């Protein structure tokens, strides 16, 4: 059974940091690209960051470049999103996604709230 379980969300003040984790099981993690998406209330889900199967390539949305870092551990079957200098507009539910060809797996999401 495929599972993607996100953790690490919470509430933080502007300028703060959070580290999200996504633990994967039930599929061959090391051959999947992994991505973080987010969805704010009333908005469409947007791609935040992605990482290739080996971790050699990463990409970021323009509005998080320089603040967020995606990484993965193919031994622990886990992908991370380090989020620094958080802004109120980063408030959203963050979802972990595993992608390979036409296959997509999704986690249930973790809430991130940035507010003073």
Protein backbone atom coordinates (compact mmCIF):
# COMPACT_ATOMS: atom_id res chain seq x y z
CA UNK A 1 0.00 0.00 0.00
CA UNK A 2 1.40 3.35 -1.09
CA UNK A 3 1.72 5.93 1.64
CA UNK A 4 3.11 9.45 1.76
CA UNK A 5 2.96 10.90 5.24
CA UNK A 6 3.82 14.56 5.74
CA UNK A 7 4.87 16.04 9.05
CA UNK A 8 6.49 19.17 10.42
CA UNK A 9 3.79 21.71 9.72
CA UNK A 10 2.59 24.19 12.28
CA UNK A 11 2.30 27.85 13.14
CA UNK A 12 5.23 30.22 12.96
CA UNK A 13 5.81 33.96 12.97
CA UNK A 14 6.93 35.81 9.85
CA UNK A 15 10.64 35.34 9.34
CA UNK A 16 10.61 31.97 11.04
CA UNK A 17 11.50 28.54 9.75
CA UNK A 18 9.92 25.12 9.45
CA UNK A 19 11.13 21.82 8.08
CA UNK A 20 8.58 19.56 6.44
CA UNK A 21 9.17 15.83 6.05
CA UNK A 22 7.41 13.30 3.87
CA UNK A 23 7.95 9.62 4.60
CA UNK A 24 7.20 7.31 1.68
CA UNK A 25 6.40 3.62 1.61
CA UNK A 26 4.84 1.08 -0.71
CA UNK A 27 6.69 2.07 -3.87
CA UNK A 28 10.26 2.33 -5.15
CA UNK A 29 11.02 5.77 -3.79
CA UNK A 30 14.44 6.10 -5.41
CA UNK A 31 13.08 6.10 -8.98
CA UNK A 32 10.43 8.74 -8.40
CA UNK A 33 10.74 12.48 -8.71
CA UNK A 34 9.40 14.06 -5.56
CA UNK A 35 7.61 17.37 -5.31
CA UNK A 36 6.06 19.66 -2.75
CA UNK A 37 2.87 21.46 -3.65
CA UNK A 38 0.78 23.84 -1.62
CA UNK A 39 -2.77 25.09 -1.66
CA UNK A 40 -3.95 28.21 0.07
CA UNK A 41 -7.64 28.84 0.82
CA UNK A 42 -9.48 29.87 -2.32
CA UNK A 43 -6.46 29.27 -4.54
CA UNK A 44 -5.33 26.52 -6.87
CA UNK A 45 -2.71 24.02 -5.83
CA UNK A 46 0.74 25.22 -6.91
CA UNK A 47 4.08 23.51 -7.33
CA UNK A 48 6.57 24.73 -4.76
CA UNK A 49 9.66 22.59 -5.35
CA UNK A 50 10.77 19.40 -7.04
CA UNK A 51 13.73 17.05 -6.87
CA UNK A 52 14.91 14.36 -9.27
CA UNK A 53 15.14 10.67 -8.25
CA UNK A 54 18.85 10.88 -7.41
CA UNK A 55 18.59 14.34 -5.89
CA UNK A 56 20.93 15.82 -8.47
CA UNK A 57 18.40 18.27 -9.86
CA UNK A 58 16.04 20.59 -8.07
CA UNK A 59 13.62 23.27 -9.14
CA UNK A 60 11.65 25.93 -7.28
CA UNK A 61 8.77 28.28 -7.79
CA UNK A 62 9.99 31.85 -8.21
CA UNK A 63 8.26 33.01 -5.05
CA UNK A 64 10.22 30.57 -2.83
CA UNK A 65 13.64 30.60 -4.49
CA UNK A 66 16.38 31.44 -2.05
CA UNK A 67 14.13 30.69 0.95
CA UNK A 68 13.10 27.04 0.52
CA UNK A 69 15.32 24.01 -0.01
CA UNK A 70 14.12 20.57 -1.09
CA UNK A 71 16.20 17.49 -0.35
CA UNK A 72 15.77 13.74 -0.13
CA UNK A 73 17.21 10.70 1.57
CA UNK A 74 16.81 7.59 -0.56
CA UNK A 75 17.87 5.36 2.32
CA UNK A 76 15.19 6.70 4.63
CA UNK A 77 12.67 7.10 1.77
CA UNK A 78 12.00 10.63 2.89
CA UNK A 79 11.83 14.00 1.19
CA UNK A 80 12.24 17.28 3.04
CA UNK A 81 11.36 20.90 2.54
CA UNK A 82 13.35 23.38 4.58
CA UNK A 83 11.46 26.67 4.68
CA UNK A 84 13.22 29.80 5.90
CA UNK A 85 12.22 33.46 6.02
CA UNK A 86 8.58 32.46 6.00
CA UNK A 87 5.99 35.01 4.95
CA UNK A 88 2.24 35.19 5.61
CA UNK A 89 1.66 34.36 1.94
CA UNK A 90 3.33 30.99 2.52
CA UNK A 91 0.32 29.97 4.58
CA UNK A 92 -1.20 26.89 2.96
CA UNK A 93 -1.64 23.17 3.17
CA UNK A 94 1.55 21.56 1.88
CA UNK A 95 1.33 18.29 -0.02
CA UNK A 96 4.00 15.76 -0.87
CA UNK A 97 3.86 14.21 -4.35
CA UNK A 98 5.68 11.29 -5.93
CA UNK A 99 5.77 11.37 -9.72
CA UNK A 100 6.99 8.97 -12.39
CA UNK A 101 5.71 8.98 -15.96
CA UNK A 102 1.89 8.98 -15.61
CA UNK A 103 1.87 7.88 -11.97
CA UNK A 104 1.26 10.33 -9.14
CA UNK A 105 1.04 9.60 -5.45
CA UNK A 106 -0.16 12.18 -2.95
CA UNK A 107 0.06 12.68 0.76
CA UNK A 108 -2.75 14.03 2.90
CA UNK A 109 -1.10 17.38 3.50
CA UNK A 110 0.21 19.34 6.45
CA UNK A 111 -0.91 22.83 7.44
CA UNK A 112 1.59 25.68 7.56
CA UNK A 113 0.41 28.96 9.05
CA UNK A 114 2.59 32.06 9.08
CA UNK A 115 1.13 34.80 11.22
CA UNK A 116 2.14 37.32 13.82
